[in-house]
Amino acid sequence: MTSATRDDRGLFEALIGDGRPLLLFFGLSIILSGGFAVFLAGTGRFLPHDTAFLGMTAEDLCALHGCRIVHFMVHDRVSFGGALIAIGVFYVWLAEFPLRKGEAWAWWLFLVSGLAGFCSFLAYLGYGYLDTWHGLGTLLLVPLFVGGLAMTRRNLHERRGIGSLFSPSVKINWKSSQGLGRLLLLATACGMIGAGLTILVVGMTRVFVPQDLTFMGVAVDDLRAINARLVPLIAHDRSGFGGGICACGITVLFSVWCGRSSKSLWQALCVAGLAGFGAAISVHPAVGYTDLTHLGPAMAGGLIFAAGLILSFKPMMSSSGRFFGTNKVVRRGRRGTE
């Protein structure tokens, strides 16, 4: 074997590479977790540790109040699963495209969004239910996240700080259809962040809004009378869902603000939107929770997001390197932009 054909890399060196494979696997793991959450919730069953914590099965709980308590929990868990899938799609896109090019903003977005998602796990301090399976899954993902970020940091073309997230690459022409599409996508992302934080805080404190209790046909004291651990379990679902939406909103916001107009970005937005909004909206009529004051914001967000995708379709799918609302080509190099 000649030196030209000899490969002296170790196995782990070949698999891990520049660190992006770790982040790709991290993103894929998030997608699989979300898919599993949607599937399991769709069966109407609880995880074994949920059953152990409550001391009752989903079938036992379904026999009470027309099964609406279980249906409410299913609605939370399906929505959470959709949010996880959306986040995972963006993590895969960030690792494969902007991080491959060494763009600093993508690294910082991975860090900020990931920390927001991981830290939402600590919301259990507000409602008192430590989900050991969730905790174990988090611990298994942390090495991928930390290792991937540590290795990819060395390959960034620009050693810029977190300020790279707040600087759009070009001046945006907001009066153009492309600029309007960008504005709608950004507005939706901001709405997701606000909604996620609201749900997270409510989950840690009040747990329910009036529409939730009306749908279930119970008061909070009724839930506590059924099982003293039921409200903390539901609070865990609510807080996790809120943290997922918030992390997803952060990821969408800065991907649209900083990312190059490209086919891959539009496709990531489309797939993530279908997963996130599709799960959150479709589960409501499936379980019979159709109160418009509750469902309306999600439907409005989905419509605004879809309009943004439609307006940005042509410029993003027909060009690479151009941004929303401009024909100027911008390339990030070692000395900034050209």
Protein backbone atom coordinates (compact mmCIF):
# COMPACT_ATOMS: atom_id res chain seq x y z
CA MET A 1 0.00 0.00 0.00
CA THR A 2 1.47 3.34 -1.02
CA SER A 3 1.54 6.42 1.17
CA ALA A 4 -0.92 8.05 -1.24
CA THR A 5 -3.61 5.49 -0.47
CA ARG A 6 -2.84 4.80 3.18
CA ASP A 7 -5.35 6.11 5.69
CA ASP A 8 -3.78 6.57 9.12
CA ARG A 9 -6.86 7.98 10.80
CA GLY A 10 -8.21 6.24 13.87
CA LEU A 11 -11.76 4.92 13.94
CA PHE A 12 -13.12 7.60 16.26
CA GLU A 13 -11.23 10.32 14.43
CA ALA A 14 -12.87 9.24 11.19
CA LEU A 15 -16.34 9.07 12.74
CA ILE A 16 -16.19 12.31 14.69
CA GLY A 17 -14.27 14.34 12.11
CA ASP A 18 -14.43 18.07 12.75
CA GLY A 19 -17.17 17.69 15.34
CA ARG A 20 -20.11 18.22 13.01
CA PRO A 21 -21.04 14.50 12.99
CA LEU A 22 -21.61 14.78 16.75
CA LEU A 23 -23.98 17.70 16.22
CA LEU A 24 -25.68 15.92 13.33
CA PHE A 25 -26.26 12.90 15.54
CA PHE A 26 -27.48 15.23 18.28
CA GLY A 27 -30.04 16.71 15.89
CA LEU A 28 -31.13 13.29 14.63
CA SER A 29 -31.53 12.11 18.23
CA ILE A 30 -33.81 15.06 18.93
CA ILE A 31 -35.89 14.19 15.84
CA LEU A 32 -36.21 10.55 16.92
CA SER A 33 -37.16 11.60 20.45
CA GLY A 34 -39.87 13.86 19.07
CA GLY A 35 -41.16 11.13 16.79
CA PHE A 36 -41.31 8.68 19.67
CA ALA A 37 -43.17 11.24 21.82
CA VAL A 38 -45.78 11.74 19.09
CA PHE A 39 -46.15 8.00 18.51
CA LEU A 40 -46.50 7.10 22.17
CA ALA A 41 -48.94 9.93 22.86
CA GLY A 42 -50.98 8.83 19.86
CA THR A 43 -51.42 5.40 21.44
CA GLY A 44 -52.87 7.02 24.56
CA ARG A 45 -50.40 5.19 26.80
CA PHE A 46 -48.05 6.47 29.48
CA LEU A 47 -44.37 5.72 29.78
CA PRO A 48 -43.54 3.15 32.50
CA HIS A 49 -42.05 5.78 34.81
CA ASP A 50 -45.20 7.92 34.45
CA THR A 51 -47.32 4.96 35.51
CA ALA A 52 -44.95 4.23 38.40
CA PHE A 53 -45.04 7.87 39.53
CA LEU A 54 -48.85 8.08 39.42
CA GLY A 55 -49.55 4.58 40.62
CA MET A 56 -52.20 4.29 37.91
CA THR A 57 -52.27 3.56 34.19
CA ALA A 58 -53.61 5.68 31.34
CA GLU A 59 -56.52 3.24 31.12
CA ASP A 60 -57.35 3.86 34.78
CA LEU A 61 -57.30 7.62 34.26
CA CYS A 62 -59.22 7.37 31.00
CA ALA A 63 -62.16 5.87 32.86
CA LEU A 64 -62.68 9.23 34.60
CA HIS A 65 -64.33 12.37 33.20
CA GLY A 66 -64.86 10.93 29.74
CA CYS A 67 -61.12 10.32 29.26
CA ARG A 68 -60.62 14.07 28.78
CA ILE A 69 -57.77 14.28 31.28
CA VAL A 70 -55.81 11.74 29.24
CA HIS A 71 -56.78 13.53 26.03
CA PHE A 72 -55.46 16.77 27.47
CA MET A 73 -52.15 15.10 28.31
CA VAL A 74 -52.01 13.60 24.80
CA HIS A 75 -52.50 17.07 23.31
CA ASP A 76 -49.53 18.40 25.30
CA ARG A 77 -47.28 15.49 24.45
CA VAL A 78 -48.02 15.43 20.73
CA SER A 79 -47.37 19.17 20.54
CA PHE A 80 -44.11 18.72 22.43
CA GLY A 81 -43.04 15.94 20.07
CA GLY A 82 -43.72 18.14 17.05
CA ALA A 83 -41.62 20.93 18.55
CA LEU A 84 -38.74 18.49 19.14
CA ILE A 85 -38.84 17.29 15.54
CA ALA A 86 -38.77 20.90 14.31
CA ILE A 87 -35.76 21.73 16.51
CA GLY A 88 -33.92 18.61 15.39
CA VAL A 89 -34.46 19.46 11.72
CA PHE A 90 -32.84 22.85 12.25
CA TYR A 91 -29.94 21.37 14.19
CA VAL A 92 -29.23 19.03 11.28
CA TRP A 93 -29.42 21.96 8.87
CA LEU A 94 -27.13 24.13 10.99
CA ALA A 95 -24.53 21.38 11.27
CA GLU A 96 -24.58 20.41 7.62
CA PHE A 97 -24.70 23.83 5.96
CA PRO A 98 -23.62 27.03 7.81
CA LEU A 99 -21.32 25.22 10.25
CA ARG A 100 -19.70 23.35 7.37
CA LYS A 101 -18.74 26.78 6.04
CA GLY A 102 -17.43 27.86 9.45
CA GLU A 103 -20.05 30.58 9.99
CA ALA A 104 -19.79 31.88 13.56
CA TRP A 105 -23.45 32.79 13.99
CA ALA A 106 -24.49 29.15 13.46
CA TRP A 107 -22.17 28.02 16.27
CA TRP A 108 -23.60 30.60 18.65
CA LEU A 109 -27.14 29.69 17.67
CA PHE A 110 -26.46 26.04 18.44
CA LEU A 111 -25.14 27.09 21.85
CA VAL A 112 -27.96 29.50 22.77
CA SER A 113 -30.80 27.32 21.50
CA GLY A 114 -29.35 24.16 23.04
CA LEU A 115 -28.86 25.83 26.42
CA ALA A 116 -32.45 27.11 26.32
CA GLY A 117 -33.67 23.58 25.71
CA PHE A 118 -31.47 21.94 28.33
CA CYS A 119 -32.21 24.58 30.97
CA SER A 120 -35.96 24.13 30.54
CA PHE A 121 -35.44 20.72 32.16
CA LEU A 122 -34.75 22.58 35.42
CA ALA A 123 -38.36 23.79 35.40
CA TYR A 124 -39.11 20.67 37.44
CA LEU A 125 -37.94 22.68 40.47
CA GLY A 126 -41.16 24.66 40.12
CA TYR A 127 -43.57 21.71 40.02
CA GLY A 128 -41.76 19.01 41.95
CA TYR A 129 -41.64 16.10 39.49
CA LEU A 130 -38.16 14.91 38.52
CA ASP A 131 -38.60 12.86 35.35
CA THR A 132 -35.69 10.42 35.60
CA TRP A 133 -36.06 9.21 31.99
CA HIS A 134 -36.01 12.77 30.72
CA GLY A 135 -33.00 13.46 32.91
CA LEU A 136 -31.16 10.39 31.64
CA GLY A 137 -31.88 11.32 28.03
CA THR A 138 -30.57 14.81 28.69
CA LEU A 139 -27.37 13.46 30.23
CA LEU A 140 -26.79 11.19 27.23
CA LEU A 141 -27.17 14.10 24.79
CA VAL A 142 -24.96 16.55 26.67
CA PRO A 143 -21.63 14.93 25.60
CA LEU A 144 -22.68 15.10 21.94
CA PHE A 145 -23.67 18.74 22.31
CA VAL A 146 -20.60 19.84 24.27
CA GLY A 147 -18.13 17.77 22.24
CA GLY A 148 -19.56 18.90 18.93
CA LEU A 149 -19.46 22.56 19.88
CA ALA A 150 -15.94 22.32 21.29
CA MET A 151 -14.58 20.74 18.12
CA THR A 152 -16.43 22.90 15.59
CA ARG A 153 -15.38 26.07 17.42
CA ARG A 154 -11.84 25.57 16.12
CA ASN A 155 -12.99 25.59 12.51
CA LEU A 156 -14.92 28.85 12.49
CA HIS A 157 -13.67 31.27 9.85
CA GLU A 158 -14.56 34.23 12.03
CA ARG A 159 -13.73 34.26 15.70
CA ARG A 160 -16.67 36.53 16.38
CA GLY A 161 -18.57 36.71 19.63
CA ILE A 162 -22.25 36.26 20.25
CA GLY A 163 -22.85 39.60 18.53
CA SER A 164 -22.71 37.74 15.23
CA LEU A 165 -26.28 36.64 15.96
CA PHE A 166 -27.56 40.20 15.94
CA SER A 167 -26.01 41.42 12.71
CA PRO A 168 -27.95 40.67 9.53
CA SER A 169 -25.63 39.97 6.66
CA VAL A 170 -27.11 42.62 4.36
CA LYS A 171 -29.52 45.52 4.42
CA ILE A 172 -33.02 44.18 3.96
CA ASN A 173 -35.51 45.64 1.51
CA TRP A 174 -38.65 45.27 3.61
CA LYS A 175 -40.86 46.62 0.80
CA SER A 176 -40.16 43.67 -1.49
CA SER A 177 -42.16 40.44 -1.37
CA GLN A 178 -39.02 38.62 -0.30
CA GLY A 179 -38.48 41.09 2.53
CA LEU A 180 -42.11 40.73 3.60
CA GLY A 181 -41.71 36.96 3.61
CA ARG A 182 -38.68 37.29 5.85
CA LEU A 183 -40.59 39.66 8.15
CA LEU A 184 -43.46 37.18 8.51
CA LEU A 185 -41.08 34.33 9.35
CA LEU A 186 -39.30 36.50 11.92
CA ALA A 187 -42.62 37.57 13.44
CA THR A 188 -43.71 33.95 13.76
CA ALA A 189 -40.44 33.04 15.47
CA CYS A 190 -40.85 35.90 17.97
CA GLY A 191 -44.39 34.71 18.65
CA MET A 192 -43.09 31.20 19.29
CA ILE A 193 -40.55 32.49 21.79
CA GLY A 194 -43.20 34.48 23.62
CA ALA A 195 -45.68 31.61 23.61
CA GLY A 196 -43.04 29.14 24.76
CA LEU A 197 -41.98 31.32 27.69
CA THR A 198 -45.61 31.85 28.67
CA ILE A 199 -46.40 28.13 28.63
CA LEU A 200 -43.19 27.39 30.54
CA VAL A 201 -44.02 29.88 33.29
CA VAL A 202 -47.67 28.79 33.49
CA GLY A 203 -46.53 25.16 33.69
CA MET A 204 -44.28 25.99 36.62
CA THR A 205 -46.92 28.01 38.47
CA ARG A 206 -50.65 27.85 37.66
CA VAL A 207 -50.24 24.86 35.30
CA PHE A 208 -53.63 25.42 33.63
CA VAL A 209 -55.47 28.23 31.88
CA PRO A 210 -59.30 28.39 32.26
CA GLN A 211 -59.88 26.81 28.82
CA ASP A 212 -57.88 23.73 29.89
CA LEU A 213 -60.07 23.10 32.92
CA THR A 214 -63.23 23.73 30.91
CA PHE A 215 -62.15 21.14 28.33
CA MET A 216 -61.41 18.53 31.00
CA GLY A 217 -64.57 19.41 32.96
CA VAL A 218 -62.70 19.52 36.25
CA ALA A 219 -61.21 21.93 38.77
CA VAL A 220 -57.64 21.72 39.99
CA ASP A 221 -58.86 20.36 43.33
CA ASP A 222 -60.68 17.58 41.45
CA LEU A 223 -57.41 16.56 39.79
CA ARG A 224 -55.66 16.52 43.14
CA ALA A 225 -58.46 14.41 44.59
CA ILE A 226 -58.05 11.88 41.79
CA ASN A 227 -54.31 11.62 42.38
CA ALA A 228 -52.05 13.94 44.33
CA ARG A 229 -49.29 13.46 41.75
CA LEU A 230 -51.40 14.17 38.68
CA VAL A 231 -50.97 17.95 38.58
CA PRO A 232 -47.14 17.77 38.90
CA LEU A 233 -47.04 15.26 36.02
CA ILE A 234 -49.17 17.48 33.80
CA ALA A 235 -47.05 20.49 34.83
CA HIS A 236 -43.97 18.59 33.66
CA ASP A 237 -45.55 18.07 30.24
CA ARG A 238 -46.59 21.71 29.98
CA SER A 239 -43.20 23.08 30.96
CA GLY A 240 -41.36 20.74 28.62
CA PHE A 241 -43.63 21.79 25.77
CA GLY A 242 -43.10 25.47 26.56
CA GLY A 243 -39.33 25.06 26.68
CA GLY A 244 -39.40 23.22 23.35
CA ILE A 245 -41.40 25.94 21.64
CA CYS A 246 -39.10 28.63 23.03
CA ALA A 247 -35.94 26.84 21.85
CA CYS A 248 -37.52 26.25 18.44
CA GLY A 249 -38.49 29.91 18.13
CA ILE A 250 -34.94 31.01 18.94
CA THR A 251 -33.57 28.64 16.30
CA VAL A 252 -35.98 29.81 13.60
CA LEU A 253 -35.48 33.48 14.44
CA PHE A 254 -31.72 33.56 14.02
CA SER A 255 -31.62 31.06 11.16
CA VAL A 256 -33.85 33.40 9.15
CA TRP A 257 -32.05 36.54 10.37
CA CYS A 258 -28.51 35.32 9.72
CA GLY A 259 -28.83 32.50 7.20
CA ARG A 260 -28.19 32.75 3.50
CA SER A 261 -31.15 32.48 1.20
CA SER A 262 -30.94 28.92 -0.07
CA LYS A 263 -32.93 25.87 -1.06
CA SER A 264 -31.75 24.02 2.04
CA LEU A 265 -32.92 26.77 4.43
CA TRP A 266 -36.36 26.95 2.81
CA GLN A 267 -36.71 23.18 2.99
CA ALA A 268 -35.65 23.15 6.65
CA LEU A 269 -38.22 25.86 7.41
CA CYS A 270 -40.91 23.95 5.53
CA VAL A 271 -40.25 20.57 7.18
CA ALA A 272 -39.91 22.11 10.64
CA GLY A 273 -43.10 24.11 10.15
CA LEU A 274 -45.05 21.07 9.00
CA ALA A 275 -43.84 19.09 12.00
CA GLY A 276 -44.28 21.78 14.64
CA PHE A 277 -47.45 23.52 13.55
CA GLY A 278 -48.88 20.34 12.04
CA ALA A 279 -48.63 18.42 15.32
CA ALA A 280 -49.76 21.31 17.53
CA ILE A 281 -52.81 22.17 15.42
CA SER A 282 -53.98 18.74 14.26
CA VAL A 283 -53.99 17.18 17.73
CA HIS A 284 -56.62 19.61 18.99
CA PRO A 285 -59.53 18.44 16.81
CA ALA A 286 -58.28 14.87 17.24
CA VAL A 287 -58.87 15.05 21.01
CA GLY A 288 -61.83 17.44 20.78
CA TYR A 289 -60.09 20.49 22.27
CA THR A 290 -61.36 23.02 19.73
CA ASP A 291 -61.75 26.18 21.82
CA LEU A 292 -60.74 28.96 19.41
CA THR A 293 -59.32 31.23 22.10
CA HIS A 294 -56.87 28.42 22.86
CA LEU A 295 -56.27 27.10 19.35
CA GLY A 296 -56.50 30.45 17.54
CA PRO A 297 -52.94 31.69 18.26
CA ALA A 298 -51.42 28.46 16.91
CA MET A 299 -53.57 28.62 13.80
CA ALA A 300 -52.68 32.28 13.24
CA GLY A 301 -49.00 31.49 13.72
CA GLY A 302 -49.21 28.63 11.24
CA LEU A 303 -50.91 30.81 8.62
CA ILE A 304 -48.37 33.62 9.04
CA PHE A 305 -45.52 31.14 8.82
CA ALA A 306 -47.02 29.57 5.68
CA ALA A 307 -47.40 33.00 4.08
CA GLY A 308 -43.75 33.73 4.84
CA LEU A 309 -42.73 30.47 3.21
CA ILE A 310 -44.79 31.20 0.11
CA LEU A 311 -43.38 34.71 -0.32
CA SER A 312 -39.80 33.49 0.17
CA PHE A 313 -40.11 30.37 -1.98
CA LYS A 314 -38.95 31.80 -5.30
CA PRO A 315 -35.91 33.81 -4.11
CA MET A 316 -34.73 31.04 -1.78
CA MET A 317 -35.20 28.15 -4.17
CA SER A 318 -33.79 29.90 -7.23
CA SER A 319 -30.59 31.32 -5.76
CA SER A 320 -27.86 30.49 -3.32
CA GLY A 321 -25.93 33.25 -1.64
CA ARG A 322 -28.65 35.87 -2.02
CA PHE A 323 -30.64 37.05 0.94
CA PHE A 324 -34.25 38.06 1.35
CA GLY A 325 -35.09 41.28 -0.40
CA THR A 326 -31.73 41.91 -2.06
CA ASN A 327 -29.66 40.76 -5.01
CA LYS A 328 -26.37 41.47 -3.34
CA VAL A 329 -24.22 38.39 -2.89
CA VAL A 330 -22.60 38.15 0.51
CA ARG A 331 -19.85 35.76 1.44
CA ARG A 332 -18.45 35.42 4.91
CA GLY A 333 -14.70 35.22 4.85
CA ARG A 334 -11.88 35.48 7.29
CA ARG A 335 -12.01 39.26 7.14
CA GLY A 336 -15.78 39.61 7.36
CA THR A 337 -18.14 39.99 4.43
CA GLU A 338 -17.55 40.73 0.81
